[in-house]
Amino acid sequence: MVGFFRLLQKYGVLKPLRNIALAVAALAAVMTLVLWVGNPYTENAQAAEEAASSWAPPPPPGPSTTVAPLPPGFPSMEFPPPMIEAPDGQPQPVPTKFGLTYTVPNDEGWRPSNSGVMSWSDDDGYVAGYGAVSDYAYNYCPEDKGSTLADMGATGRNGVDLDSAAREAVSKADRLFSDEDDNKPKVEIRGPFNFEISGRPAVRYTAAVTDIPRDYSCDPTRAEFDVVATPAYSTAEVMVFMVKHHVGLPDSLSENEVDTIIRSLNKTE
């Protein structure tokens, strides 16, 4: 039933609230037709009691949602290893549950974390989610509670190659920076750029985002969304790492600072 409603919404037949009556009538008609024609698969169906005992609701979408199962014996962990406090003046390592660690400056304005999560959704549904999220310049915009100048985090993918995982993630940049009215910015995607992380292949794409819709006067109009995909050591076959950062504001990260964070990716010791 849920899939039916989603199908109607996807093709423009169902609009939230406005056409509920139409949807109910259509659903009733379909159910009546099914009962009249009959179910061609009834002969091979399980008994209701057996089917109920074997069914479980699907997990909700989240930072590490994967499409395919892990290979047999592939290690996995539910949470990242604990963070170790970095000495003064040294970058702060942030281990992820994918067996890779990144570092961020251990300076004022930074909030290193491997327990933070962030996700996006729009009128079309779930867009993306990341875990082990650190941020920079939290609440920089007084009018926009929770605003940041930069965020970085990781998620996992199974059953896809590195380039496909990175391209799929970076292609969502327009939806990440759209507003509530679904006004989308302009996006130019650069890449792929191939390099290595701890001796293993990695792929990087960068989305240069302009004409971002603004809600407040201190909101940026330009940003970059960097995505890196590399083989993971646990929890997923591929780790996707992102750095989302605004550009053109007085305290924005420089390209060199973003590159330093990406180059810091390495196997967790």
C-alpha atoms as a PDB file:
ATOM      1  CA  MET A   1       0.000   0.000   0.000  1.00  0.00           C
ATOM      2  CA  VAL A   2       2.786   2.425   0.849  1.00  0.00           C
ATOM      3  CA  GLY A   3       4.507   1.604  -2.443  1.00  0.00           C
ATOM      4  CA  PHE A   4       1.252   2.339  -4.261  1.00  0.00           C
ATOM      5  CA  PHE A   5       0.974   5.817  -2.723  1.00  0.00           C
ATOM      6  CA  ARG A   6       4.619   6.529  -3.488  1.00  0.00           C
ATOM      7  CA  LEU A   7       4.108   5.492  -7.113  1.00  0.00           C
ATOM      8  CA  LEU A   8       1.167   7.856  -7.404  1.00  0.00           C
ATOM      9  CA  GLN A   9       3.172  10.682  -5.884  1.00  0.00           C
ATOM     10  CA  LYS A  10       6.194  10.009  -8.091  1.00  0.00           C
ATOM     11  CA  TYR A  11       4.215  10.395 -11.293  1.00  0.00           C
ATOM     12  CA  GLY A  12       2.298  13.439 -10.179  1.00  0.00           C
ATOM     13  CA  VAL A  13      -1.064  11.713  -9.536  1.00  0.00           C
ATOM     14  CA  LEU A  14      -0.949  12.213  -5.813  1.00  0.00           C
ATOM     15  CA  LYS A  15      -0.192  15.567  -4.231  1.00  0.00           C
ATOM     16  CA  PRO A  16       0.113  15.822  -0.449  1.00  0.00           C
ATOM     17  CA  LEU A  17      -3.155  16.674   1.339  1.00  0.00           C
ATOM     18  CA  ARG A  18      -4.785  18.219  -1.709  1.00  0.00           C
ATOM     19  CA  ASN A  19      -5.773  14.971  -3.458  1.00  0.00           C
ATOM     20  CA  ILE A  20      -6.194  12.563  -0.552  1.00  0.00           C
ATOM     21  CA  ALA A  21      -9.803  11.859  -1.508  1.00  0.00           C
ATOM     22  CA  LEU A  22      -8.775  10.965  -5.058  1.00  0.00           C
ATOM     23  CA  ALA A  23      -6.039   8.656  -3.817  1.00  0.00           C
ATOM     24  CA  VAL A  24      -8.399   6.838  -1.441  1.00  0.00           C
ATOM     25  CA  ALA A  25     -10.927   6.333  -4.211  1.00  0.00           C
ATOM     26  CA  ALA A  26      -8.240   5.023  -6.582  1.00  0.00           C
ATOM     27  CA  LEU A  27      -6.895   2.657  -3.967  1.00  0.00           C
ATOM     28  CA  ALA A  28     -10.374   1.341  -3.205  1.00  0.00           C
ATOM     29  CA  ALA A  29     -10.928   0.669  -6.885  1.00  0.00           C
ATOM     30  CA  VAL A  30      -7.654  -1.244  -7.181  1.00  0.00           C
ATOM     31  CA  MET A  31      -8.388  -3.345  -4.106  1.00  0.00           C
ATOM     32  CA  THR A  32     -11.865  -4.153  -5.443  1.00  0.00           C
ATOM     33  CA  LEU A  33     -10.371  -5.232  -8.771  1.00  0.00           C
ATOM     34  CA  VAL A  34      -7.827  -7.474  -7.026  1.00  0.00           C
ATOM     35  CA  LEU A  35     -10.559  -9.179  -5.009  1.00  0.00           C
ATOM     36  CA  TRP A  36     -12.729  -9.666  -8.128  1.00  0.00           C
ATOM     37  CA  VAL A  37      -9.966 -11.033 -10.364  1.00  0.00           C
ATOM     38  CA  GLY A  38      -8.228 -13.029  -7.672  1.00  0.00           C
ATOM     39  CA  ASN A  39      -4.553 -13.420  -6.789  1.00  0.00           C
ATOM     40  CA  PRO A  40      -2.681 -15.610  -9.323  1.00  0.00           C
ATOM     41  CA  TYR A  41       0.030 -16.365  -6.764  1.00  0.00           C
ATOM     42  CA  THR A  42      -2.285 -17.695  -4.041  1.00  0.00           C
ATOM     43  CA  GLU A  43      -1.400 -21.335  -4.654  1.00  0.00           C
ATOM     44  CA  ASN A  44       2.299 -20.780  -3.821  1.00  0.00           C
ATOM     45  CA  ALA A  45       1.753 -18.257  -1.018  1.00  0.00           C
ATOM     46  CA  GLN A  46       2.689 -18.955   2.612  1.00  0.00           C
ATOM     47  CA  ALA A  47       0.049 -19.277   5.265  1.00  0.00           C
ATOM     48  CA  ALA A  48      -0.664 -15.946   6.955  1.00  0.00           C
ATOM     49  CA  GLU A  49       0.885 -17.102  10.237  1.00  0.00           C
ATOM     50  CA  GLU A  50       4.100 -18.240   8.499  1.00  0.00           C
ATOM     51  CA  ALA A  51       4.398 -15.087   6.431  1.00  0.00           C
ATOM     52  CA  ALA A  52       3.917 -12.840   9.447  1.00  0.00           C
ATOM     53  CA  SER A  53       6.619 -14.591  11.432  1.00  0.00           C
ATOM     54  CA  SER A  54       9.204 -14.173   8.648  1.00  0.00           C
ATOM     55  CA  TRP A  55       8.517 -10.501   7.863  1.00  0.00           C
ATOM     56  CA  ALA A  56      10.405  -7.622   9.438  1.00  0.00           C
ATOM     57  CA  PRO A  57      10.080  -3.907   8.674  1.00  0.00           C
ATOM     58  CA  PRO A  58      12.936  -2.464   6.578  1.00  0.00           C
ATOM     59  CA  PRO A  59      15.476  -0.267   8.401  1.00  0.00           C
ATOM     60  CA  PRO A  60      14.927   3.484   8.090  1.00  0.00           C
ATOM     61  CA  PRO A  61      17.294   5.409   5.802  1.00  0.00           C
ATOM     62  CA  GLY A  62      20.348   6.743   7.600  1.00  0.00           C
ATOM     63  CA  PRO A  63      23.976   7.750   7.313  1.00  0.00           C
ATOM     64  CA  SER A  64      25.222   4.294   6.331  1.00  0.00           C
ATOM     65  CA  THR A  65      22.337   2.844   4.346  1.00  0.00           C
ATOM     66  CA  THR A  66      23.619   0.274   1.840  1.00  0.00           C
ATOM     67  CA  VAL A  67      21.884  -1.405  -1.086  1.00  0.00           C
ATOM     68  CA  ALA A  68      23.668  -4.756  -1.260  1.00  0.00           C
ATOM     69  CA  PRO A  69      24.753  -7.024   1.614  1.00  0.00           C
ATOM     70  CA  LEU A  70      28.356  -7.266   2.753  1.00  0.00           C
ATOM     71  CA  PRO A  71      30.489 -10.160   1.485  1.00  0.00           C
ATOM     72  CA  PRO A  72      30.619 -13.117   3.888  1.00  0.00           C
ATOM     73  CA  GLY A  73      33.141 -12.565   6.670  1.00  0.00           C
ATOM     74  CA  PHE A  74      33.566  -8.850   5.976  1.00  0.00           C
ATOM     75  CA  PRO A  75      34.152  -7.098   9.334  1.00  0.00           C
ATOM     76  CA  SER A  76      31.575  -4.650  10.596  1.00  0.00           C
ATOM     77  CA  MET A  77      31.052  -2.338  13.544  1.00  0.00           C
ATOM     78  CA  GLU A  78      28.007  -0.460  14.773  1.00  0.00           C
ATOM     79  CA  PHE A  79      29.905   2.541  16.129  1.00  0.00           C
ATOM     80  CA  PRO A  80      33.273   4.147  15.323  1.00  0.00           C
ATOM     81  CA  PRO A  81      36.251   3.588  17.619  1.00  0.00           C
ATOM     82  CA  PRO A  82      36.523   6.151  20.430  1.00  0.00           C
ATOM     83  CA  MET A  83      38.242   9.410  19.638  1.00  0.00           C
ATOM     84  CA  ILE A  84      41.616  10.097  21.237  1.00  0.00           C
ATOM     85  CA  GLU A  85      42.227  13.685  22.265  1.00  0.00           C
ATOM     86  CA  ALA A  86      44.944  15.261  20.179  1.00  0.00           C
ATOM     87  CA  PRO A  87      47.830  17.173  21.812  1.00  0.00           C
ATOM     88  CA  ASP A  88      47.668  20.960  21.673  1.00  0.00           C
ATOM     89  CA  GLY A  89      48.595  22.279  18.263  1.00  0.00           C
ATOM     90  CA  GLN A  90      48.043  18.923  16.548  1.00  0.00           C
ATOM     91  CA  PRO A  91      45.161  18.025  14.204  1.00  0.00           C
ATOM     92  CA  GLN A  92      42.351  16.020  15.784  1.00  0.00           C
ATOM     93  CA  PRO A  93      41.929  12.496  14.333  1.00  0.00           C
ATOM     94  CA  VAL A  94      38.313  11.449  13.716  1.00  0.00           C
ATOM     95  CA  PRO A  95      37.978   7.659  13.244  1.00  0.00           C
ATOM     96  CA  THR A  96      34.967   6.320  11.335  1.00  0.00           C
ATOM     97  CA  LYS A  97      33.340   2.890  11.504  1.00  0.00           C
ATOM     98  CA  PHE A  98      34.664   2.151   8.007  1.00  0.00           C
ATOM     99  CA  GLY A  99      38.238   1.617   9.171  1.00  0.00           C
ATOM    100  CA  LEU A 100      39.424   5.007   7.924  1.00  0.00           C
ATOM    101  CA  THR A 101      40.235   8.189   9.850  1.00  0.00           C
ATOM    102  CA  TYR A 102      40.289  11.842   8.834  1.00  0.00           C
ATOM    103  CA  THR A 103      41.693  14.808  10.746  1.00  0.00           C
ATOM    104  CA  VAL A 104      40.494  18.365  11.287  1.00  0.00           C
ATOM    105  CA  PRO A 105      42.189  21.328  12.942  1.00  0.00           C
ATOM    106  CA  ASN A 106      42.105  21.301  16.731  1.00  0.00           C
ATOM    107  CA  ASP A 107      41.381  25.024  16.782  1.00  0.00           C
ATOM    108  CA  GLU A 108      38.659  27.378  17.962  1.00  0.00           C
ATOM    109  CA  GLY A 109      35.625  27.214  15.709  1.00  0.00           C
ATOM    110  CA  TRP A 110      35.991  23.498  15.008  1.00  0.00           C
ATOM    111  CA  ARG A 111      33.836  20.756  16.547  1.00  0.00           C
ATOM    112  CA  PRO A 112      35.491  17.406  15.803  1.00  0.00           C
ATOM    113  CA  SER A 113      33.139  14.464  16.309  1.00  0.00           C
ATOM    114  CA  ASN A 114      32.641  10.902  15.162  1.00  0.00           C
ATOM    115  CA  SER A 115      29.185  10.600  16.728  1.00  0.00           C
ATOM    116  CA  GLY A 116      27.463  13.438  14.869  1.00  0.00           C
ATOM    117  CA  VAL A 117      25.102  12.702  11.978  1.00  0.00           C
ATOM    118  CA  MET A 118      23.435  14.847   9.337  1.00  0.00           C
ATOM    119  CA  SER A 119      20.958  14.140   6.576  1.00  0.00           C
ATOM    120  CA  TRP A 120      18.877  15.881   3.934  1.00  0.00           C
ATOM    121  CA  SER A 121      15.437  15.308   2.484  1.00  0.00           C
ATOM    122  CA  ASP A 122      13.147  17.200   0.129  1.00  0.00           C
ATOM    123  CA  ASP A 123       9.723  16.829  -1.459  1.00  0.00           C
ATOM    124  CA  ASP A 124      10.981  13.799  -3.386  1.00  0.00           C
ATOM    125  CA  GLY A 125      12.085  12.053  -0.179  1.00  0.00           C
ATOM    126  CA  TYR A 126      15.384  11.116   1.408  1.00  0.00           C
ATOM    127  CA  VAL A 127      18.448  12.622  -0.276  1.00  0.00           C
ATOM    128  CA  ALA A 128      21.582  11.648   1.671  1.00  0.00           C
ATOM    129  CA  GLY A 129      22.967  11.095   5.144  1.00  0.00           C
ATOM    130  CA  TYR A 130      26.431  10.985   6.717  1.00  0.00           C
ATOM    131  CA  GLY A 131      27.890   9.984  10.064  1.00  0.00           C
ATOM    132  CA  ALA A 132      31.087  10.807  11.970  1.00  0.00           C
ATOM    133  CA  VAL A 133      30.313  14.446  11.163  1.00  0.00           C
ATOM    134  CA  SER A 134      32.566  17.295  12.261  1.00  0.00           C
ATOM    135  CA  ASP A 135      31.726  20.923  11.578  1.00  0.00           C
ATOM    136  CA  TYR A 136      33.300  24.361  11.421  1.00  0.00           C
ATOM    137  CA  ALA A 137      31.959  27.806  12.433  1.00  0.00           C
ATOM    138  CA  TYR A 138      28.792  26.510  14.054  1.00  0.00           C
ATOM    139  CA  ASN A 139      26.091  29.194  14.336  1.00  0.00           C
ATOM    140  CA  TYR A 140      28.132  31.639  12.254  1.00  0.00           C
ATOM    141  CA  CYS A 141      24.872  33.112  10.944  1.00  0.00           C
ATOM    142  CA  PRO A 142      22.872  34.549  13.891  1.00  0.00           C
ATOM    143  CA  GLU A 143      19.641  34.425  11.912  1.00  0.00           C
ATOM    144  CA  ASP A 144      20.038  30.754  11.008  1.00  0.00           C
ATOM    145  CA  LYS A 145      20.254  28.536  14.088  1.00  0.00           C
ATOM    146  CA  GLY A 146      22.575  25.581  13.509  1.00  0.00           C
ATOM    147  CA  SER A 147      24.284  27.146  10.498  1.00  0.00           C
ATOM    148  CA  THR A 148      27.843  26.063   9.666  1.00  0.00           C
ATOM    149  CA  LEU A 149      30.493  27.140   7.206  1.00  0.00           C
ATOM    150  CA  ALA A 150      31.694  23.566   6.672  1.00  0.00           C
ATOM    151  CA  ASP A 151      30.715  19.978   7.459  1.00  0.00           C
ATOM    152  CA  MET A 152      32.488  16.704   6.786  1.00  0.00           C
ATOM    153  CA  GLY A 153      31.500  13.095   7.353  1.00  0.00           C
ATOM    154  CA  ALA A 154      31.328   9.588   5.951  1.00  0.00           C
ATOM    155  CA  THR A 155      28.859   6.959   4.803  1.00  0.00           C
ATOM    156  CA  GLY A 156      29.118   3.515   3.207  1.00  0.00           C
ATOM    157  CA  ARG A 157      28.049   1.799   0.010  1.00  0.00           C
ATOM    158  CA  ASN A 158      27.972  -1.836  -1.092  1.00  0.00           C
ATOM    159  CA  GLY A 159      27.764  -3.413  -4.502  1.00  0.00           C
ATOM    160  CA  VAL A 160      29.120  -0.421  -6.447  1.00  0.00           C
ATOM    161  CA  ASP A 161      32.523   0.598  -7.780  1.00  0.00           C
ATOM    162  CA  LEU A 162      34.359   3.656  -6.482  1.00  0.00           C
ATOM    163  CA  ASP A 163      33.531   5.931  -9.392  1.00  0.00           C
ATOM    164  CA  SER A 164      29.827   5.082  -9.311  1.00  0.00           C
ATOM    165  CA  ALA A 165      29.650   5.662  -5.558  1.00  0.00           C
ATOM    166  CA  ALA A 166      31.367   9.053  -5.819  1.00  0.00           C
ATOM    167  CA  ARG A 167      29.351  10.217  -8.834  1.00  0.00           C
ATOM    168  CA  GLU A 168      26.068   9.187  -7.230  1.00  0.00           C
ATOM    169  CA  ALA A 169      26.915  11.191  -4.097  1.00  0.00           C
ATOM    170  CA  VAL A 170      28.134  14.337  -5.857  1.00  0.00           C
ATOM    171  CA  SER A 171      25.154  14.359  -8.239  1.00  0.00           C
ATOM    172  CA  LYS A 172      22.899  15.246  -5.298  1.00  0.00           C
ATOM    173  CA  ALA A 173      24.565  18.623  -4.741  1.00  0.00           C
ATOM    174  CA  ASP A 174      21.672  20.567  -6.262  1.00  0.00           C
ATOM    175  CA  ARG A 175      19.215  18.948  -3.848  1.00  0.00           C
ATOM    176  CA  LEU A 176      21.467  19.562  -0.840  1.00  0.00           C
ATOM    177  CA  PHE A 177      21.506  23.303  -1.513  1.00  0.00           C
ATOM    178  CA  SER A 178      17.914  23.805  -2.669  1.00  0.00           C
ATOM    179  CA  ASP A 179      15.373  25.659  -0.535  1.00  0.00           C
ATOM    180  CA  GLU A 180      11.968  24.654   0.808  1.00  0.00           C
ATOM    181  CA  ASP A 181      10.303  25.776  -2.406  1.00  0.00           C
ATOM    182  CA  ASP A 182      12.592  23.427  -4.376  1.00  0.00           C
ATOM    183  CA  ASN A 183      14.497  26.284  -6.004  1.00  0.00           C
ATOM    184  CA  LYS A 184      17.787  24.700  -7.021  1.00  0.00           C
ATOM    185  CA  PRO A 185      21.193  26.312  -7.562  1.00  0.00           C
ATOM    186  CA  LYS A 186      23.521  25.943 -10.517  1.00  0.00           C
ATOM    187  CA  VAL A 187      26.012  23.076 -10.231  1.00  0.00           C
ATOM    188  CA  GLU A 188      29.217  22.361 -12.135  1.00  0.00           C
ATOM    189  CA  ILE A 189      30.765  18.962 -11.431  1.00  0.00           C
ATOM    190  CA  ARG A 190      34.528  18.576 -11.781  1.00  0.00           C
ATOM    191  CA  GLY A 191      36.363  15.265 -11.907  1.00  0.00           C
ATOM    192  CA  PRO A 192      37.036  12.457 -11.561  1.00  0.00           C
ATOM    193  CA  PHE A 193      40.417  12.934  -9.868  1.00  0.00           C
ATOM    194  CA  ASN A 194      42.200   9.700  -9.025  1.00  0.00           C
ATOM    195  CA  PHE A 195      44.667   9.326  -6.164  1.00  0.00           C
ATOM    196  CA  GLU A 196      45.521   6.888  -3.353  1.00  0.00           C
ATOM    197  CA  ILE A 197      44.613   6.587   0.314  1.00  0.00           C
ATOM    198  CA  SER A 198      46.892   4.303   2.355  1.00  0.00           C
ATOM    199  CA  GLY A 199      48.017   2.608  -0.865  1.00  0.00           C
ATOM    200  CA  ARG A 200      44.484   1.951  -2.136  1.00  0.00           C
ATOM    201  CA  PRO A 201      42.639   3.706  -4.985  1.00  0.00           C
ATOM    202  CA  ALA A 202      40.423   6.714  -4.355  1.00  0.00           C
ATOM    203  CA  VAL A 203      38.212   8.866  -6.590  1.00  0.00           C
ATOM    204  CA  ARG A 204      37.295  12.502  -5.955  1.00  0.00           C
ATOM    205  CA  TYR A 205      34.626  14.718  -7.491  1.00  0.00           C
ATOM    206  CA  THR A 206      33.908  18.372  -6.710  1.00  0.00           C
ATOM    207  CA  ALA A 207      30.582  20.118  -7.253  1.00  0.00           C
ATOM    208  CA  ALA A 208      30.955  23.894  -7.587  1.00  0.00           C
ATOM    209  CA  VAL A 209      27.595  25.334  -6.531  1.00  0.00           C
ATOM    210  CA  THR A 210      26.447  28.876  -7.383  1.00  0.00           C
ATOM    211  CA  ASP A 211      23.217  30.884  -7.176  1.00  0.00           C
ATOM    212  CA  ILE A 212      22.224  29.158  -3.942  1.00  0.00           C
ATOM    213  CA  PRO A 213      18.765  30.299  -2.782  1.00  0.00           C
ATOM    214  CA  ARG A 214      19.058  32.443   0.365  1.00  0.00           C
ATOM    215  CA  ASP A 215      16.761  32.535   3.374  1.00  0.00           C
ATOM    216  CA  TYR A 216      18.822  35.039   5.367  1.00  0.00           C
ATOM    217  CA  SER A 217      21.159  37.894   4.526  1.00  0.00           C
ATOM    218  CA  CYS A 218      24.145  36.013   5.986  1.00  0.00           C
ATOM    219  CA  ASP A 219      23.496  32.884   3.927  1.00  0.00           C
ATOM    220  CA  PRO A 220      26.101  32.120   1.260  1.00  0.00           C
ATOM    221  CA  THR A 221      25.360  32.092  -2.450  1.00  0.00           C
ATOM    222  CA  ARG A 222      28.303  29.837  -3.368  1.00  0.00           C
ATOM    223  CA  ALA A 223      29.620  26.552  -2.028  1.00  0.00           C
ATOM    224  CA  GLU A 224      31.600  23.460  -2.938  1.00  0.00           C
ATOM    225  CA  PHE A 225      30.709  19.852  -2.250  1.00  0.00           C
ATOM    226  CA  ASP A 226      33.710  17.499  -2.393  1.00  0.00           C
ATOM    227  CA  VAL A 227      33.165  13.742  -2.450  1.00  0.00           C
ATOM    228  CA  VAL A 228      35.787  10.994  -2.126  1.00  0.00           C
ATOM    229  CA  ALA A 229      35.152   7.253  -2.513  1.00  0.00           C
ATOM    230  CA  THR A 230      37.703   4.640  -1.449  1.00  0.00           C
ATOM    231  CA  PRO A 231      37.604   0.973  -0.340  1.00  0.00           C
ATOM    232  CA  ALA A 232      36.527   0.591   3.285  1.00  0.00           C
ATOM    233  CA  TYR A 233      38.046  -1.830   5.787  1.00  0.00           C
ATOM    234  CA  SER A 234      34.831  -2.552   7.694  1.00  0.00           C
ATOM    235  CA  THR A 235      31.059  -2.027   7.721  1.00  0.00           C
ATOM    236  CA  ALA A 236      30.810  -1.313   3.975  1.00  0.00           C
ATOM    237  CA  GLU A 237      32.770  -2.172   0.849  1.00  0.00           C
ATOM    238  CA  VAL A 238      33.152   1.506  -0.081  1.00  0.00           C
ATOM    239  CA  MET A 239      33.446   4.537   2.169  1.00  0.00           C
ATOM    240  CA  VAL A 240      32.152   7.835   0.782  1.00  0.00           C
ATOM    241  CA  PHE A 241      33.631  10.899   2.466  1.00  0.00           C
ATOM    242  CA  MET A 242      32.270  14.393   1.894  1.00  0.00           C
ATOM    243  CA  VAL A 243      33.348  17.956   2.665  1.00  0.00           C
ATOM    244  CA  LYS A 244      30.558  20.507   2.251  1.00  0.00           C
ATOM    245  CA  HIS A 245      31.771  24.073   2.602  1.00  0.00           C
ATOM    246  CA  HIS A 246      30.613  27.581   1.754  1.00  0.00           C
ATOM    247  CA  VAL A 247      32.918  29.863  -0.192  1.00  0.00           C
ATOM    248  CA  GLY A 248      33.253  33.594  -0.543  1.00  0.00           C
ATOM    249  CA  LEU A 249      32.601  34.526   3.101  1.00  0.00           C
ATOM    250  CA  PRO A 250      35.260  36.086   5.360  1.00  0.00           C
ATOM    251  CA  ASP A 251      35.897  32.934   7.435  1.00  0.00           C
ATOM    252  CA  SER A 252      35.289  30.341   4.723  1.00  0.00           C
ATOM    253  CA  LEU A 253      37.766  27.483   4.414  1.00  0.00           C
ATOM    254  CA  SER A 254      40.344  27.882   1.675  1.00  0.00           C
ATOM    255  CA  GLU A 255      40.812  25.266  -1.021  1.00  0.00           C
ATOM    256  CA  ASN A 256      44.127  24.353   0.601  1.00  0.00           C
ATOM    257  CA  GLU A 257      42.420  23.721   3.951  1.00  0.00           C
ATOM    258  CA  VAL A 258      39.850  21.460   2.294  1.00  0.00           C
ATOM    259  CA  ASP A 259      42.607  19.592   0.425  1.00  0.00           C
ATOM    260  CA  THR A 260      44.465  19.095   3.716  1.00  0.00           C
ATOM    261  CA  ILE A 261      41.427  17.447   5.293  1.00  0.00           C
ATOM    262  CA  ILE A 262      40.940  15.156   2.299  1.00  0.00           C
ATOM    263  CA  ARG A 263      44.644  14.247   2.185  1.00  0.00           C
ATOM    264  CA  SER A 264      44.469  13.355   5.870  1.00  0.00           C
ATOM    265  CA  LEU A 265      42.299  10.305   5.130  1.00  0.00           C
ATOM    266  CA  ASN A 266      44.168   7.153   6.107  1.00  0.00           C
ATOM    267  CA  LYS A 267      43.653   3.674   7.497  1.00  0.00           C
ATOM    268  CA  THR A 268      42.722   3.730  11.173  1.00  0.00           C
ATOM    269  CA  GLU A 269      45.610   2.444  13.265  1.00  0.00           C
END
